Amino acid sequence: MQVSEGATNNTASIKNLQGFDPNHPPDPKLIDSCVHCGFCLSTCPSYRVIGKEMDSPRGRIYLMDAINEGEIALNTATVQHFDSCLGCLACVTTCPSGVQYDKLISATRHQVERNYSRSLSDQFIRKLIFSLFPNPDLLRIFLFPLFIYQKLGISQILRATGLIKKISPRLAAMESILPEITLQSFQDNLADIIPAQGKKRYRVGVILGCVQRLFFSPVNEATVRVLTANGCEVVIPKSQGCCAALPEHQGQTEQAKTLARQMIDSFADTGVDFIIINAAGCGHTLKEYGHILADDPEYRDKAKEFAGKVKDAQEFLANVGLTAKLSPLADKPVNLVYQDACHLLHGQKISIQPRQLLKQIPGVTLREPIDAALCCGSAGVYNMLQPEIAEELGQQKATNLVNTGANLIASPNPGCSLQISKHLQLQGKNISVIHPMELLDYAIRGEKLSI
């Protein structure tokens, strides 16, 4: 068959397109498992907001396949559709064909960060996020100026004028979810080893997190008290750092691997039965260490062993059972709605366990929201990188939670808590958002909430 010169040139240009490199591109076998049925569309938050096929899991799989085949390039036009994905994994739960979209989007994001040159502004904001948030020691340095910034009312003035948003919508998004800095944020009150109360049942390690340990330190303290009250000796290695969730979810390959190795080393020789985490996104990544370090001959087996010990705090307690007595949270019945964090519900398949625990608290009635499985828009750093889509999702989530008639919201992830609290405030709703471990802690100590 004779090929025209034009066709030959076209074939050459296709082969020269910038695409994926040979280092773990999206697996064609996983791509081929998608039958393009469309069941994922209704559960995909980005598709529901944007309404474009290429901003759905099915559409992104089309793009992955086309890039693999050299038919289209990895460029701004294609990367924007990968960036619009929240990584909530709702499509994984929904898919009747069992498509492992989580593995596909993870591989793609690592490819994007290696093979696509972002704009200078995009590079700056990502450099800021991945230098700051996974580094609790560096983040702690910023606590004092942020404390002064809030106490002097500068934040209220800037939000009222909209000045930051005019300069940079992404910086404005970061500022808008900044939690209140208190004197407690500067304290580190947890010892290396905390003994169990009563008969010792387990020896467990506790991971403090990055944002969690600085901005939500009461959650960590409550988690430790609940564990010790239920017969657990708690070990907290001070050498632990970031779990690698943020860089791993955004394709920062080497940073994620480095942080994972550091975390594994920090718990080496501690002799713990389990490793407990109370943040949904962190827990999902910790359980993926075997995958993250699969190519590392030194850490491959260590990573699998480590991941096998990781348990979400609620998962662990529901499994081993509560031994501490629980008291009512208030002097009146509590209508409570539990917010399913995506990386618990879809990533770790944990949904029943938190509800089982909360139902054991006397006087608590659980309410269920519509669209409970839909992402709130936080998604790690998504609400900072894609603020417009995140805003709409946050508004929807807050409205759905409020419409349950609940007077208290339980949220098991710091990012979700910040996102939901922000949109409750924007809607003028005065409903507290509290971590389930804090609620169990209140019930064990007999401390009453003002509801």
Protein backbone atom coordinates (compact mmCIF):
# COMPACT_ATOMS: atom_id res chain seq x y z
CA MET A 1 0.00 0.00 0.00
CA GLN A 2 1.36 3.39 -1.00
CA VAL A 3 1.37 6.07 1.71
CA SER A 4 1.14 9.70 0.74
CA GLU A 5 3.78 12.18 1.82
CA GLY A 6 1.19 14.10 3.83
CA ALA A 7 0.15 10.98 5.69
CA THR A 8 3.79 10.16 6.41
CA ASN A 9 4.39 13.64 7.85
CA ASN A 10 1.21 13.36 9.93
CA THR A 11 2.35 10.01 11.35
CA ALA A 12 5.73 11.49 12.21
CA SER A 13 4.14 14.45 13.97
CA ILE A 14 1.94 12.11 16.04
CA LYS A 15 4.99 10.11 17.14
CA ASN A 16 6.71 13.32 18.20
CA LEU A 17 3.83 14.44 20.42
CA GLN A 18 4.74 14.98 24.06
CA GLY A 19 3.13 12.13 25.97
CA PHE A 20 3.70 9.79 28.90
CA ASP A 21 7.15 8.43 29.69
CA PRO A 22 7.81 4.66 30.15
CA ASN A 23 7.86 4.92 33.96
CA HIS A 24 4.46 3.49 35.00
CA PRO A 25 2.09 5.17 32.55
CA PRO A 26 -1.67 4.46 32.99
CA ASP A 27 -2.00 0.70 32.54
CA PRO A 28 -3.68 -0.14 29.18
CA LYS A 29 -5.27 -3.21 30.77
CA LEU A 30 -6.93 -1.04 33.41
CA ILE A 31 -7.98 1.43 30.72
CA ASP A 32 -9.53 -1.37 28.64
CA SER A 33 -11.63 -2.52 31.61
CA CYS A 34 -13.75 0.64 31.21
CA VAL A 35 -16.79 -0.13 29.00
CA HIS A 36 -17.81 3.57 28.95
CA CYS A 37 -21.25 2.79 30.41
CA GLY A 38 -21.58 6.23 32.03
CA PHE A 39 -22.54 5.07 35.53
CA CYS A 40 -19.72 7.25 36.87
CA LEU A 41 -21.14 10.48 35.49
CA SER A 42 -23.83 11.10 38.10
CA THR A 43 -21.44 10.47 41.00
CA CYS A 44 -18.53 12.53 39.66
CA PRO A 45 -18.47 15.96 41.37
CA SER A 46 -16.40 17.68 38.67
CA TYR A 47 -18.73 16.45 35.92
CA ARG A 48 -21.78 17.58 37.87
CA VAL A 49 -20.35 21.09 38.18
CA ILE A 50 -18.62 21.49 34.80
CA GLY A 51 -20.90 19.25 32.72
CA LYS A 52 -18.26 18.27 30.15
CA GLU A 53 -17.53 14.68 29.13
CA MET A 54 -13.76 15.15 29.40
CA ASP A 55 -14.20 16.25 33.03
CA SER A 56 -15.68 12.88 33.96
CA PRO A 57 -13.84 9.63 34.80
CA ARG A 58 -14.95 8.12 31.50
CA GLY A 59 -13.72 11.14 29.56
CA ARG A 60 -10.38 11.18 31.33
CA ILE A 61 -9.88 7.49 30.57
CA TYR A 62 -10.47 8.32 26.88
CA LEU A 63 -7.70 10.93 27.17
CA MET A 64 -5.31 8.54 28.94
CA ASP A 65 -5.83 5.96 26.22
CA ALA A 66 -5.32 8.50 23.44
CA ILE A 67 -2.09 9.80 25.00
CA ASN A 68 -0.86 6.23 25.51
CA GLU A 69 -1.52 5.55 21.84
CA GLY A 70 0.24 8.76 20.73
CA GLU A 71 -2.96 10.18 19.22
CA ILE A 72 -3.04 13.35 21.33
CA ALA A 73 -0.48 15.26 23.38
CA LEU A 74 -0.03 15.78 27.09
CA ASN A 75 -0.55 19.53 26.96
CA THR A 76 -2.59 22.33 28.52
CA ALA A 77 -5.77 21.18 26.79
CA THR A 78 -5.55 17.66 28.22
CA VAL A 79 -3.92 18.44 31.58
CA GLN A 80 -6.77 20.76 32.58
CA HIS A 81 -9.15 17.80 32.52
CA PHE A 82 -6.87 15.70 34.72
CA ASP A 83 -6.46 18.67 37.09
CA SER A 84 -10.24 19.05 37.39
CA CYS A 85 -10.48 15.59 39.00
CA LEU A 86 -10.91 15.80 42.79
CA GLY A 87 -9.59 12.28 43.30
CA CYS A 88 -12.63 11.57 45.50
CA LEU A 89 -12.88 8.01 44.08
CA ALA A 90 -16.70 8.03 44.05
CA CYS A 91 -16.50 6.55 40.56
CA VAL A 92 -14.56 3.57 41.93
CA THR A 93 -17.40 2.81 44.32
CA THR A 94 -20.03 3.24 41.62
CA CYS A 95 -18.41 1.46 38.66
CA PRO A 96 -20.17 -1.86 37.85
CA SER A 97 -17.12 -3.04 35.88
CA GLY A 98 -14.67 -2.55 38.74
CA VAL A 99 -12.51 -0.06 36.87
CA GLN A 100 -9.54 0.92 39.05
CA TYR A 101 -9.74 4.61 38.25
CA ASP A 102 -7.79 5.39 41.42
CA LYS A 103 -4.71 3.67 40.00
CA LEU A 104 -5.24 5.31 36.59
CA ILE A 105 -5.55 8.89 37.84
CA SER A 106 -2.64 8.41 40.27
CA ALA A 107 -0.35 7.18 37.48
CA THR A 108 -1.50 10.03 35.24
CA ARG A 109 -0.82 12.72 37.82
CA HIS A 110 2.72 11.52 38.37
CA GLN A 111 3.20 11.58 34.58
CA VAL A 112 1.81 15.11 34.35
CA GLU A 113 4.20 16.46 36.97
CA ARG A 114 7.18 14.91 35.17
CA ASN A 115 6.28 15.67 31.59
CA TYR A 116 4.20 18.85 31.51
CA SER A 117 5.55 22.36 32.06
CA ARG A 118 3.08 24.43 34.08
CA SER A 119 2.75 28.21 33.97
CA LEU A 120 4.90 30.26 36.34
CA SER A 121 1.92 31.21 38.50
CA ASP A 122 0.83 27.59 38.73
CA GLN A 123 4.36 26.51 39.59
CA PHE A 124 4.52 29.17 42.33
CA ILE A 125 1.30 28.19 44.07
CA ARG A 126 2.13 24.48 43.92
CA LYS A 127 5.66 25.10 45.19
CA LEU A 128 4.19 27.08 48.08
CA ILE A 129 1.69 24.33 48.95
CA PHE A 130 4.10 21.41 48.70
CA SER A 131 6.88 23.23 50.56
CA LEU A 132 4.64 24.42 53.38
CA PHE A 133 1.82 22.00 54.18
CA PRO A 134 3.78 18.70 54.27
CA ASN A 135 6.35 20.34 56.57
CA PRO A 136 4.86 20.83 60.06
CA ASP A 137 8.09 22.34 61.43
CA LEU A 138 8.10 25.01 58.71
CA LEU A 139 4.35 25.50 59.04
CA ARG A 140 4.75 26.07 62.77
CA ILE A 141 7.00 29.09 62.05
CA PHE A 142 4.07 30.78 60.33
CA LEU A 143 1.71 30.29 63.28
CA PHE A 144 2.71 33.47 65.14
CA PRO A 145 2.32 35.91 62.21
CA LEU A 146 -0.97 34.20 61.34
CA PHE A 147 -2.07 34.54 64.96
CA ILE A 148 -1.33 38.29 64.88
CA TYR A 149 -2.97 38.57 61.44
CA GLN A 150 -6.20 37.18 62.84
CA LYS A 151 -6.18 38.92 66.21
CA LEU A 152 -5.66 42.36 64.66
CA GLY A 153 -8.65 41.78 62.39
CA ILE A 154 -6.61 42.06 59.20
CA SER A 155 -8.24 38.91 57.82
CA GLN A 156 -11.73 40.37 58.21
CA ILE A 157 -10.71 43.58 56.45
CA LEU A 158 -9.12 41.77 53.51
CA ARG A 159 -12.07 39.41 53.13
CA ALA A 160 -14.52 42.30 53.21
CA THR A 161 -12.62 44.23 50.53
CA GLY A 162 -11.96 41.16 48.37
CA LEU A 163 -8.41 42.43 47.79
CA ILE A 164 -6.69 39.02 47.94
CA LYS A 165 -9.17 37.54 45.47
CA LYS A 166 -8.41 40.32 43.03
CA ILE A 167 -4.69 39.57 43.33
CA SER A 168 -5.02 35.78 43.21
CA PRO A 169 -8.17 33.63 43.54
CA ARG A 170 -6.01 30.73 44.68
CA LEU A 171 -4.36 32.71 47.51
CA ALA A 172 -7.81 33.96 48.48
CA ALA A 173 -9.03 30.38 48.61
CA MET A 174 -6.13 29.44 50.90
CA GLU A 175 -6.84 32.38 53.18
CA SER A 176 -10.59 31.73 53.29
CA ILE A 177 -10.20 28.28 54.89
CA LEU A 178 -7.54 29.35 57.39
CA PRO A 179 -8.74 28.03 60.78
CA GLU A 180 -8.59 30.12 63.92
CA ILE A 181 -5.12 30.16 65.44
CA THR A 182 -5.25 29.79 69.22
CA LEU A 183 -2.62 29.57 71.94
CA GLN A 184 -3.24 25.83 71.95
CA SER A 185 -1.87 25.70 68.39
CA PHE A 186 1.60 26.50 69.75
CA GLN A 187 1.59 23.67 72.31
CA ASP A 188 2.75 20.10 72.04
CA ASN A 189 1.25 18.34 75.03
CA LEU A 190 1.55 14.68 74.02
CA ALA A 191 4.24 12.50 75.55
CA ASP A 192 6.19 9.85 73.66
CA ILE A 193 4.39 7.04 75.47
CA ILE A 194 1.00 7.35 77.18
CA PRO A 195 -0.05 4.38 79.35
CA ALA A 196 -3.38 2.59 78.97
CA GLN A 197 -6.08 3.15 81.56
CA GLY A 198 -6.94 -0.09 83.29
CA LYS A 199 -5.99 -3.37 81.67
CA LYS A 200 -3.75 -2.94 78.63
CA ARG A 201 -5.31 -4.46 75.52
CA TYR A 202 -3.10 -3.10 72.73
CA ARG A 203 0.04 -1.07 72.09
CA VAL A 204 -0.70 1.35 69.27
CA GLY A 205 1.16 4.10 67.47
CA VAL A 206 -0.55 7.39 66.66
CA ILE A 207 0.22 9.57 63.64
CA LEU A 208 -0.22 13.28 64.34
CA GLY A 209 -0.52 14.61 60.77
CA CYS A 210 0.63 18.02 59.55
CA VAL A 211 -2.36 20.36 59.46
CA GLN A 212 -3.99 18.20 62.13
CA ARG A 213 -1.22 18.57 64.71
CA LEU A 214 -1.04 22.36 64.35
CA PHE A 215 -4.55 23.53 63.59
CA PHE A 216 -6.54 20.64 65.07
CA SER A 217 -4.37 19.58 68.00
CA PRO A 218 -7.46 19.00 70.23
CA VAL A 219 -8.47 16.20 67.83
CA ASN A 220 -5.16 14.41 68.39
CA GLU A 221 -5.40 14.89 72.14
CA ALA A 222 -8.97 13.56 72.15
CA THR A 223 -7.90 10.57 70.03
CA VAL A 224 -5.17 9.66 72.51
CA ARG A 225 -7.55 9.98 75.47
CA VAL A 226 -10.15 7.77 73.78
CA LEU A 227 -7.54 5.13 72.94
CA THR A 228 -6.05 5.05 76.43
CA ALA A 229 -9.52 4.99 78.02
CA ASN A 230 -10.22 1.87 75.97
CA GLY A 231 -7.13 -0.04 77.06
CA CYS A 232 -4.50 1.12 74.56
CA GLU A 233 -0.95 2.09 75.36
CA VAL A 234 -0.13 4.90 72.90
CA VAL A 235 3.26 5.48 71.29
CA ILE A 236 3.97 8.78 69.49
CA PRO A 237 7.40 8.90 67.79
CA LYS A 238 8.53 12.51 67.71
CA SER A 239 10.56 11.83 64.54
CA GLN A 240 7.41 11.35 62.45
CA GLY A 241 6.69 13.89 59.73
CA CYS A 242 4.16 14.12 56.91
CA CYS A 243 2.37 10.96 55.74
CA ALA A 244 2.90 11.99 52.06
CA ALA A 245 -0.81 12.33 51.24
CA LEU A 246 -0.68 15.79 49.67
CA PRO A 247 2.32 15.21 47.38
CA GLU A 248 1.20 11.68 46.47
CA HIS A 249 -2.30 12.81 45.48
CA GLN A 250 -0.82 15.53 43.27
CA GLY A 251 1.87 13.46 41.56
CA GLN A 252 4.92 14.71 43.45
CA THR A 253 6.64 11.33 43.16
CA GLU A 254 10.01 11.78 44.88
CA GLN A 255 8.68 13.92 47.72
CA ALA A 256 5.99 11.33 48.44
CA LYS A 257 8.51 8.47 48.48
CA THR A 258 10.90 10.37 50.76
CA LEU A 259 8.16 11.19 53.26
CA ALA A 260 6.84 7.61 53.21
CA ARG A 261 10.31 6.26 54.02
CA GLN A 262 10.69 8.75 56.89
CA MET A 263 7.34 7.70 58.34
CA ILE A 264 8.22 4.01 58.15
CA ASP A 265 11.56 4.64 59.85
CA SER A 266 9.93 6.65 62.65
CA PHE A 267 7.79 3.66 63.69
CA ALA A 268 10.53 1.05 63.26
CA ASP A 269 11.25 -0.94 66.44
CA THR A 270 8.32 0.60 68.35
CA GLY A 271 6.66 -2.79 68.73
CA VAL A 272 3.17 -1.45 68.07
CA ASP A 273 0.27 -3.75 67.18
CA PHE A 274 -1.46 -1.11 65.07
CA ILE A 275 -0.76 2.38 63.70
CA ILE A 276 -3.70 4.71 64.21
CA ILE A 277 -4.62 7.74 62.09
CA ASN A 278 -7.59 10.05 62.57
CA ALA A 279 -7.52 11.93 59.23
CA ALA A 280 -9.20 10.29 56.23
CA GLY A 281 -6.88 11.46 53.46
CA CYS A 282 -3.77 10.56 55.47
CA GLY A 283 -5.14 7.10 56.24
CA HIS A 284 -5.79 6.30 52.61
CA THR A 285 -2.21 7.19 51.64
CA LEU A 286 -0.66 5.34 54.58
CA LYS A 287 -2.45 2.19 53.47
CA GLU A 288 -0.98 2.69 49.98
CA TYR A 289 2.68 2.67 51.08
CA GLY A 290 3.17 -0.77 49.52
CA HIS A 291 2.20 0.71 46.15
CA ILE A 292 4.12 3.98 46.60
CA LEU A 293 7.38 2.17 47.42
CA ALA A 294 6.83 -0.89 45.20
CA ASP A 295 9.97 -0.07 43.17
CA ASP A 296 12.17 0.43 46.24
CA PRO A 297 13.98 -2.86 47.03
CA GLU A 298 15.05 -1.62 50.48
CA TYR A 299 11.63 -0.40 51.61
CA ARG A 300 9.22 -2.56 49.57
CA ASP A 301 8.61 -5.18 52.28
CA LYS A 302 8.80 -2.64 55.11
CA ALA A 303 6.13 -0.57 53.36
CA LYS A 304 3.77 -3.53 53.03
CA GLU A 305 4.23 -4.46 56.69
CA PHE A 306 3.68 -0.85 57.78
CA ALA A 307 0.54 -0.44 55.64
CA GLY A 308 -0.86 -3.66 57.05
CA LYS A 309 -0.82 -2.15 60.55
CA VAL A 310 -2.52 1.13 59.63
CA LYS A 311 -6.07 1.59 60.90
CA ASP A 312 -8.37 4.57 60.91
CA ALA A 313 -9.20 5.41 64.54
CA GLN A 314 -12.91 4.74 64.01
CA GLU A 315 -12.23 1.53 62.09
CA PHE A 316 -9.99 0.31 64.90
CA LEU A 317 -12.36 1.12 67.77
CA ALA A 318 -15.38 -0.34 66.02
CA ASN A 319 -13.41 -3.54 65.47
CA VAL A 320 -11.95 -3.99 68.97
CA GLY A 321 -14.98 -2.54 70.78
CA LEU A 322 -15.36 0.26 73.30
CA THR A 323 -14.82 -0.61 76.95
CA ALA A 324 -15.19 2.91 78.41
CA LYS A 325 -18.63 4.05 79.57
CA LEU A 326 -20.27 6.76 77.42
CA SER A 327 -22.38 9.62 78.78
CA PRO A 328 -24.82 11.94 76.92
CA LEU A 329 -23.25 14.85 75.03
CA ALA A 330 -25.86 17.37 76.13
CA ASP A 331 -28.82 17.86 78.43
CA LYS A 332 -31.13 17.44 75.45
CA PRO A 333 -31.27 14.95 72.55
CA VAL A 334 -28.56 15.48 69.93
CA ASN A 335 -29.45 15.28 66.25
CA LEU A 336 -26.15 14.42 64.63
CA VAL A 337 -25.22 14.14 60.96
CA TYR A 338 -22.05 12.28 60.01
CA GLN A 339 -20.14 13.67 57.02
CA ASP A 340 -18.58 10.89 54.94
CA ALA A 341 -15.03 11.91 53.99
CA CYS A 342 -14.28 10.63 50.48
CA HIS A 343 -11.01 8.92 51.35
CA LEU A 344 -12.75 7.04 54.14
CA LEU A 345 -15.93 6.16 52.24
CA HIS A 346 -14.54 5.49 48.77
CA GLY A 347 -10.82 5.06 49.44
CA GLN A 348 -10.91 2.88 52.57
CA LYS A 349 -14.52 1.61 52.38
CA ILE A 350 -15.20 2.85 55.93
CA SER A 351 -18.73 4.10 56.47
CA ILE A 352 -20.63 1.83 58.84
CA GLN A 353 -18.00 1.84 61.60
CA PRO A 354 -18.17 5.58 62.48
CA ARG A 355 -21.95 5.40 62.62
CA GLN A 356 -21.80 2.32 64.85
CA LEU A 357 -19.60 4.20 67.32
CA LEU A 358 -21.63 7.41 67.34
CA LYS A 359 -24.90 5.52 67.88
CA GLN A 360 -23.48 4.14 71.12
CA ILE A 361 -23.44 7.63 72.65
CA PRO A 362 -26.65 8.03 74.72
CA GLY A 363 -29.11 10.61 73.40
CA VAL A 364 -27.65 10.72 69.87
CA THR A 365 -29.90 10.38 66.83
CA LEU A 366 -28.13 10.07 63.48
CA ARG A 367 -29.50 11.92 60.47
CA GLU A 368 -28.53 11.11 56.87
CA PRO A 369 -28.06 13.83 54.20
CA ILE A 370 -28.91 13.53 50.53
CA ASP A 371 -25.89 13.07 48.26
CA ALA A 372 -23.89 11.84 51.25
CA ALA A 373 -21.28 10.31 48.93
CA LEU A 374 -20.67 13.56 46.99
CA CYS A 375 -17.36 15.33 47.70
CA CYS A 376 -17.42 18.57 49.70
CA GLY A 377 -14.82 20.11 47.38
CA SER A 378 -11.90 20.10 49.79
CA ALA A 379 -10.08 17.05 48.36
CA GLY A 380 -6.68 17.71 49.90
CA VAL A 381 -5.54 20.94 48.24
CA TYR A 382 -8.17 20.94 45.49
CA ASN A 383 -10.08 23.86 47.02
CA MET A 384 -6.87 25.90 46.73
CA LEU A 385 -5.98 24.83 43.19
CA GLN A 386 -9.51 24.74 41.71
CA PRO A 387 -11.41 27.23 43.91
CA GLU A 388 -14.36 27.86 41.57
CA ILE A 389 -15.45 24.21 41.38
CA ALA A 390 -14.71 23.69 45.08
CA GLU A 391 -16.91 26.66 46.01
CA GLU A 392 -19.97 25.18 44.33
CA LEU A 393 -19.40 21.75 45.86
CA GLY A 394 -18.84 23.23 49.32
CA GLN A 395 -22.07 25.19 49.09
CA GLN A 396 -24.00 22.08 48.05
CA LYS A 397 -22.50 19.99 50.85
CA ALA A 398 -23.23 22.58 53.55
CA THR A 399 -26.82 22.95 52.33
CA ASN A 400 -27.39 19.19 52.33
CA LEU A 401 -26.03 18.85 55.87
CA VAL A 402 -28.12 21.75 57.17
CA ASN A 403 -31.27 20.33 55.54
CA THR A 404 -31.06 17.22 57.74
CA GLY A 405 -32.13 19.37 60.68
CA ALA A 406 -29.08 18.23 62.66
CA ASN A 407 -27.68 20.50 65.37
CA LEU A 408 -24.21 18.96 65.21
CA ILE A 409 -21.95 17.75 62.35
CA ALA A 410 -19.33 15.02 62.76
CA SER A 411 -16.45 15.25 60.26
CA PRO A 412 -13.47 12.83 60.28
CA ASN A 413 -11.07 14.85 58.11
CA PRO A 414 -9.49 18.28 58.73
CA GLY A 415 -9.85 19.45 55.12
CA CYS A 416 -13.55 18.55 55.06
CA SER A 417 -14.07 20.29 58.40
CA LEU A 418 -12.48 23.52 57.16
CA GLN A 419 -14.43 23.46 53.90
CA ILE A 420 -17.78 22.75 55.53
CA SER A 421 -17.25 25.27 58.34
CA LYS A 422 -16.44 27.95 55.78
CA HIS A 423 -19.64 27.39 53.83
CA LEU A 424 -21.80 27.09 56.94
CA GLN A 425 -20.48 30.50 57.96
CA LEU A 426 -21.17 31.93 54.50
CA GLN A 427 -24.75 30.67 54.79
CA GLY A 428 -25.11 32.17 58.28
CA LYS A 429 -25.55 28.79 59.97
CA ASN A 430 -24.21 28.35 63.50
CA ILE A 431 -23.65 24.59 63.59
CA SER A 432 -20.52 23.10 65.12
CA VAL A 433 -18.34 20.73 63.07
CA ILE A 434 -16.58 18.27 65.38
CA HIS A 435 -14.39 15.23 64.80
CA PRO A 436 -16.02 11.91 65.87
CA MET A 437 -13.08 11.20 68.18
CA GLU A 438 -13.77 14.45 70.01
CA LEU A 439 -17.40 13.42 70.46
CA LEU A 440 -16.35 10.07 71.91
CA ASP A 441 -13.91 11.90 74.18
CA TYR A 442 -16.65 14.22 75.45
CA ALA A 443 -18.90 11.21 76.08
CA ILE A 444 -16.18 9.30 77.96
CA ARG A 445 -15.26 12.29 80.13
CA GLY A 446 -18.89 13.25 80.72
CA GLU A 447 -18.33 16.77 79.41
CA LYS A 448 -21.44 18.47 78.02
CA LEU A 449 -21.62 20.43 74.76
CA SER A 450 -23.53 23.68 74.31
CA ILE A 451 -25.90 22.89 71.44
